C-alpha atoms as a PDB file:
ATOM      1  CA  UNK A   1     111.608 104.390 104.446  1.00  0.00           C
ATOM      2  CA  UNK A   2     110.930 100.783 103.492  1.00  0.00           C
ATOM      3  CA  UNK A   3     111.851  97.403 104.946  1.00  0.00           C
ATOM      4  CA  UNK A   4     110.481  93.845 105.009  1.00  0.00           C
ATOM      5  CA  UNK A   5     108.253  94.709 102.058  1.00  0.00           C
ATOM      6  CA  UNK A   6     106.422  97.517 103.854  1.00  0.00           C
ATOM      7  CA  UNK A   7     106.537 101.288 103.802  1.00  0.00           C
ATOM      8  CA  UNK A   8     107.179 102.531 107.321  1.00  0.00           C
ATOM      9  CA  UNK A   9     104.796 105.314 108.347  1.00  0.00           C
ATOM     10  CA  UNK A  10     106.007 107.996 110.705  1.00  0.00           C
ATOM     11  CA  UNK A  11     106.735 111.652 111.311  1.00  0.00           C
ATOM     12  CA  UNK A  12     109.769 113.768 110.592  1.00  0.00           C
ATOM     13  CA  UNK A  13     111.132 116.948 112.127  1.00  0.00           C
ATOM     14  CA  UNK A  14     113.549 119.442 110.577  1.00  0.00           C
ATOM     15  CA  UNK A  15     116.049 121.381 112.670  1.00  0.00           C
ATOM     16  CA  UNK A  16     118.522 123.405 110.639  1.00  0.00           C
ATOM     17  CA  UNK A  17     120.102 120.969 108.208  1.00  0.00           C
ATOM     18  CA  UNK A  18     119.083 117.854 110.184  1.00  0.00           C
ATOM     19  CA  UNK A  19     115.972 115.779 109.487  1.00  0.00           C
ATOM     20  CA  UNK A  20     114.857 113.279 112.123  1.00  0.00           C
ATOM     21  CA  UNK A  21     112.405 110.509 111.180  1.00  0.00           C
ATOM     22  CA  UNK A  22     110.397 108.815 113.947  1.00  0.00           C
ATOM     23  CA  UNK A  23     108.610 105.618 112.838  1.00  0.00           C
ATOM     24  CA  UNK A  24     104.994 105.122 113.922  1.00  0.00           C
ATOM     25  CA  UNK A  25     105.871 101.677 115.333  1.00  0.00           C
ATOM     26  CA  UNK A  26     109.026  99.850 116.378  1.00  0.00           C
ATOM     27  CA  UNK A  27     111.209  98.703 113.497  1.00  0.00           C
ATOM     28  CA  UNK A  28     111.535  94.963 112.950  1.00  0.00           C
ATOM     29  CA  UNK A  29     114.665  93.203 114.136  1.00  0.00           C
ATOM     30  CA  UNK A  30     117.219  91.724 111.717  1.00  0.00           C
ATOM     31  CA  UNK A  31     115.701  93.737 108.862  1.00  0.00           C
ATOM     32  CA  UNK A  32     117.360  95.855 106.200  1.00  0.00           C
ATOM     33  CA  UNK A  33     115.714  99.251 105.703  1.00  0.00           C
ATOM     34  CA  UNK A  34     116.199 101.684 102.836  1.00  0.00           C
ATOM     35  CA  UNK A  35     115.886 105.458 103.105  1.00  0.00           C
ATOM     36  CA  UNK A  36     115.644 107.596  99.970  1.00  0.00           C
ATOM     37  CA  UNK A  37     116.491 111.248 100.516  1.00  0.00           C
ATOM     38  CA  UNK A  38     115.782 114.312  98.424  1.00  0.00           C
ATOM     39  CA  UNK A  39     116.341 117.836  99.723  1.00  0.00           C
ATOM     40  CA  UNK A  40     114.710 120.992  98.354  1.00  0.00           C
ATOM     41  CA  UNK A  41     116.074 124.430  99.237  1.00  0.00           C
ATOM     42  CA  UNK A  42     114.021 127.626  99.600  1.00  0.00           C
ATOM     43  CA  UNK A  43     114.626 128.510  95.944  1.00  0.00           C
ATOM     44  CA  UNK A  44     113.028 125.210  94.871  1.00  0.00           C
ATOM     45  CA  UNK A  45     116.249 123.494  93.834  1.00  0.00           C
ATOM     46  CA  UNK A  46     116.237 119.782  94.640  1.00  0.00           C
ATOM     47  CA  UNK A  47     119.003 117.274  95.078  1.00  0.00           C
ATOM     48  CA  UNK A  48     118.828 113.569  95.745  1.00  0.00           C
ATOM     49  CA  UNK A  49     121.350 112.337  98.245  1.00  0.00           C
ATOM     50  CA  UNK A  50     120.782 108.745  97.173  1.00  0.00           C
ATOM     51  CA  UNK A  51     119.588 105.695  99.033  1.00  0.00           C
ATOM     52  CA  UNK A  52     120.911 104.784 102.454  1.00  0.00           C
ATOM     53  CA  UNK A  53     120.540 101.295 103.898  1.00  0.00           C
ATOM     54  CA  UNK A  54     120.876  99.981 107.412  1.00  0.00           C
ATOM     55  CA  UNK A  55     120.079  96.696 109.163  1.00  0.00           C
ATOM     56  CA  UNK A  56     118.493  96.575 112.593  1.00  0.00           C
ATOM     57  CA  UNK A  57     119.807  94.276 115.291  1.00  0.00           C
ATOM     58  CA  UNK A  58     118.002  91.148 116.434  1.00  0.00           C
ATOM     59  CA  UNK A  59     115.054  91.989 118.671  1.00  0.00           C
ATOM     60  CA  UNK A  60     113.063  89.643 120.811  1.00  0.00           C
ATOM     61  CA  UNK A  61     109.425  89.776 119.781  1.00  0.00           C
ATOM     62  CA  UNK A  62     107.238  90.118 122.852  1.00  0.00           C
ATOM     63  CA  UNK A  63     104.368  88.021 121.570  1.00  0.00           C
ATOM     64  CA  UNK A  64     102.192  86.760 118.782  1.00  0.00           C
ATOM     65  CA  UNK A  65     100.136  89.247 116.791  1.00  0.00           C
ATOM     66  CA  UNK A  66      96.431  89.619 117.450  1.00  0.00           C
ATOM     67  CA  UNK A  67      93.445  90.931 115.537  1.00  0.00           C
ATOM     68  CA  UNK A  68      92.546  94.301 117.047  1.00  0.00           C
ATOM     69  CA  UNK A  69      89.446  94.937 114.954  1.00  0.00           C
ATOM     70  CA  UNK A  70      87.280  93.548 112.194  1.00  0.00           C
ATOM     71  CA  UNK A  71      85.004  95.855 110.246  1.00  0.00           C
ATOM     72  CA  UNK A  72      82.089  95.577 109.916  1.00  0.00           C
ATOM     73  CA  UNK A  73      81.781  94.405 113.501  1.00  0.00           C
ATOM     74  CA  UNK A  74      80.687  90.863 114.358  1.00  0.00           C
ATOM     75  CA  UNK A  75      76.930  90.267 114.244  1.00  0.00           C
ATOM     76  CA  UNK A  76      76.311  93.447 112.255  1.00  0.00           C
ATOM     77  CA  UNK A  77      72.917  93.474 110.525  1.00  0.00           C
ATOM     78  CA  UNK A  78      71.879  95.085 107.212  1.00  0.00           C
ATOM     79  CA  UNK A  79      75.437  95.459 105.941  1.00  0.00           C
ATOM     80  CA  UNK A  80      75.621  96.221 102.212  1.00  0.00           C
ATOM     81  CA  UNK A  81      76.860  93.283 100.091  1.00  0.00           C
ATOM     82  CA  UNK A  82      79.303  95.768  98.520  1.00  0.00           C
ATOM     83  CA  UNK A  83      81.054  96.407 101.851  1.00  0.00           C
ATOM     84  CA  UNK A  84      84.671  95.235 102.142  1.00  0.00           C
ATOM     85  CA  UNK A  85      85.822  93.405 105.255  1.00  0.00           C
ATOM     86  CA  UNK A  86      88.793  95.087 106.949  1.00  0.00           C
ATOM     87  CA  UNK A  87      91.049  93.309 109.470  1.00  0.00           C
ATOM     88  CA  UNK A  88      93.385  95.329 111.704  1.00  0.00           C
ATOM     89  CA  UNK A  89      96.336  93.513 113.335  1.00  0.00           C
ATOM     90  CA  UNK A  90      98.296  94.543 116.425  1.00  0.00           C
ATOM     91  CA  UNK A  91     101.557  94.628 114.464  1.00  0.00           C
ATOM     92  CA  UNK A  92     102.799  94.355 110.867  1.00  0.00           C
ATOM     93  CA  UNK A  93     102.261  90.925 109.347  1.00  0.00           C
ATOM     94  CA  UNK A  94     104.479  88.945 106.954  1.00  0.00           C
ATOM     95  CA  UNK A  95     103.253  90.155 103.532  1.00  0.00           C
ATOM     96  CA  UNK A  96     103.560  86.799 101.756  1.00  0.00           C
ATOM     97  CA  UNK A  97     101.128  85.150 104.211  1.00  0.00           C
ATOM     98  CA  UNK A  98      98.293  87.663 103.773  1.00  0.00           C
ATOM     99  CA  UNK A  99      96.520  85.621 101.106  1.00  0.00           C
ATOM    100  CA  UNK A 100      93.101  84.092 100.512  1.00  0.00           C
ATOM    101  CA  UNK A 101      94.735  80.760 101.422  1.00  0.00           C
ATOM    102  CA  UNK A 102      95.220  81.971 105.005  1.00  0.00           C
ATOM    103  CA  UNK A 103      92.318  84.390 105.345  1.00  0.00           C
ATOM    104  CA  UNK A 104      88.999  82.896 104.301  1.00  0.00           C
ATOM    105  CA  UNK A 105      85.701  84.594 103.541  1.00  0.00           C
ATOM    106  CA  UNK A 106      82.453  82.598 103.652  1.00  0.00           C
ATOM    107  CA  UNK A 107      78.917  83.439 102.523  1.00  0.00           C
ATOM    108  CA  UNK A 108      76.173  81.139 103.841  1.00  0.00           C
ATOM    109  CA  UNK A 109      78.841  78.533 104.586  1.00  0.00           C
ATOM    110  CA  UNK A 110      80.362  78.571 101.069  1.00  0.00           C
ATOM    111  CA  UNK A 111      83.935  79.677 100.556  1.00  0.00           C
ATOM    112  CA  UNK A 112      84.287  82.945  98.623  1.00  0.00           C
ATOM    113  CA  UNK A 113      87.583  83.870  96.936  1.00  0.00           C
ATOM    114  CA  UNK A 114      88.135  87.522  97.901  1.00  0.00           C
ATOM    115  CA  UNK A 115      90.685  89.963  96.577  1.00  0.00           C
ATOM    116  CA  UNK A 116      93.159  90.566  99.398  1.00  0.00           C
ATOM    117  CA  UNK A 117      94.802  93.969  99.774  1.00  0.00           C
ATOM    118  CA  UNK A 118      97.226  94.897 102.544  1.00  0.00           C
ATOM    119  CA  UNK A 119      98.120  98.343 103.799  1.00  0.00           C
ATOM    120  CA  UNK A 120     101.594  99.745 103.227  1.00  0.00           C
ATOM    121  CA  UNK A 121     102.462  99.234 106.900  1.00  0.00           C
ATOM    122  CA  UNK A 122     101.274  95.580 106.909  1.00  0.00           C
ATOM    123  CA  UNK A 123      98.841  96.101 109.791  1.00  0.00           C
ATOM    124  CA  UNK A 124      95.586  96.182 107.846  1.00  0.00           C
ATOM    125  CA  UNK A 125      94.054  93.753 105.343  1.00  0.00           C
ATOM    126  CA  UNK A 126      91.008  94.471 103.168  1.00  0.00           C
ATOM    127  CA  UNK A 127      88.951  91.616 101.701  1.00  0.00           C
ATOM    128  CA  UNK A 128      86.820  92.553  98.707  1.00  0.00           C
ATOM    129  CA  UNK A 129      84.362  90.230  96.951  1.00  0.00           C
ATOM    130  CA  UNK A 130      80.932  90.231  95.375  1.00  0.00           C
ATOM    131  CA  UNK A 131      78.776  88.824  98.147  1.00  0.00           C
ATOM    132  CA  UNK A 132      75.236  87.523  97.754  1.00  0.00           C
ATOM    133  CA  UNK A 133      72.547  89.743  99.325  1.00  0.00           C
ATOM    134  CA  UNK A 134      70.686  88.524 102.398  1.00  0.00           C
ATOM    135  CA  UNK A 135      73.436  86.159 103.465  1.00  0.00           C
ATOM    136  CA  UNK A 136      75.525  85.415 106.519  1.00  0.00           C
ATOM    137  CA  UNK A 137      79.212  86.157 105.991  1.00  0.00           C
ATOM    138  CA  UNK A 138      82.086  84.828 108.094  1.00  0.00           C
ATOM    139  CA  UNK A 139      85.814  85.505 108.207  1.00  0.00           C
ATOM    140  CA  UNK A 140      88.413  82.991 109.370  1.00  0.00           C
ATOM    141  CA  UNK A 141      92.119  83.708 109.841  1.00  0.00           C
ATOM    142  CA  UNK A 142      94.355  80.679 110.132  1.00  0.00           C
ATOM    143  CA  UNK A 143      97.277  80.434 112.513  1.00  0.00           C
ATOM    144  CA  UNK A 144      99.583  80.412 109.448  1.00  0.00           C
ATOM    145  CA  UNK A 145      99.568  84.232 109.355  1.00  0.00           C
ATOM    146  CA  UNK A 146     102.762  85.299 111.163  1.00  0.00           C
ATOM    147  CA  UNK A 147     104.471  88.584 111.785  1.00  0.00           C
ATOM    148  CA  UNK A 148     107.879  89.060 110.110  1.00  0.00           C
ATOM    149  CA  UNK A 149     109.589  87.504 113.162  1.00  0.00           C
ATOM    150  CA  UNK A 150     107.600  84.327 112.307  1.00  0.00           C
ATOM    151  CA  UNK A 151     105.392  84.494 115.406  1.00  0.00           C
ATOM    152  CA  UNK A 152     102.048  83.150 114.286  1.00  0.00           C
ATOM    153  CA  UNK A 153      98.667  84.681 114.829  1.00  0.00           C
ATOM    154  CA  UNK A 154      97.347  83.116 118.024  1.00  0.00           C
ATOM    155  CA  UNK A 155      94.242  81.331 116.739  1.00  0.00           C
ATOM    156  CA  UNK A 156      91.507  81.135 114.179  1.00  0.00           C
ATOM    157  CA  UNK A 157      89.250  84.159 114.522  1.00  0.00           C
ATOM    158  CA  UNK A 158      85.758  84.261 113.104  1.00  0.00           C
ATOM    159  CA  UNK A 159      83.052  86.871 112.926  1.00  0.00           C
ATOM    160  CA  UNK A 160      79.658  86.838 111.309  1.00  0.00           C
ATOM    161  CA  UNK A 161      77.895  89.575 109.314  1.00  0.00           C
ATOM    162  CA  UNK A 162      74.292  89.544 108.206  1.00  0.00           C
ATOM    163  CA  UNK A 163      74.029  91.228 104.822  1.00  0.00           C
ATOM    164  CA  UNK A 164      70.957  93.151 103.820  1.00  0.00           C
ATOM    165  CA  UNK A 165      69.397  93.185 100.376  1.00  0.00           C
ATOM    166  CA  UNK A 166      71.184  95.349  97.837  1.00  0.00           C
END
């Protein structure tokens, strides 16, 4: 199942000829989702039932997203310069805003242009760059990073990592 540019993770259960999908997190409001279905019988025959679409109703978002975790942790020492920085948000973020223009990576005070990758569910961002050894690295997330309901991240968040020699 996909919607708002993300693949929705979850679990499914089969009972007879009924399949029930339970998403891992609440679906976004006012969002069109697509479900692609293919059934395979015990003999191995498959049949696609096509794509089904539905739109969720408007939901009131309970609050702005937050950063739950940054890895490596703040003030970590002897971190390899080859280590990626991973940010975990409290809810899916708007995919178009997860860019190096809104998430900055610094080494010894100089801006580094990282490659930015986001998880399929929009809750995790990985920053990858070639970082100089024996440097202090910081991450800053601007308040221009909203969730799909346009609620912005609450504030700039920074953490510092001390990289060891390679």
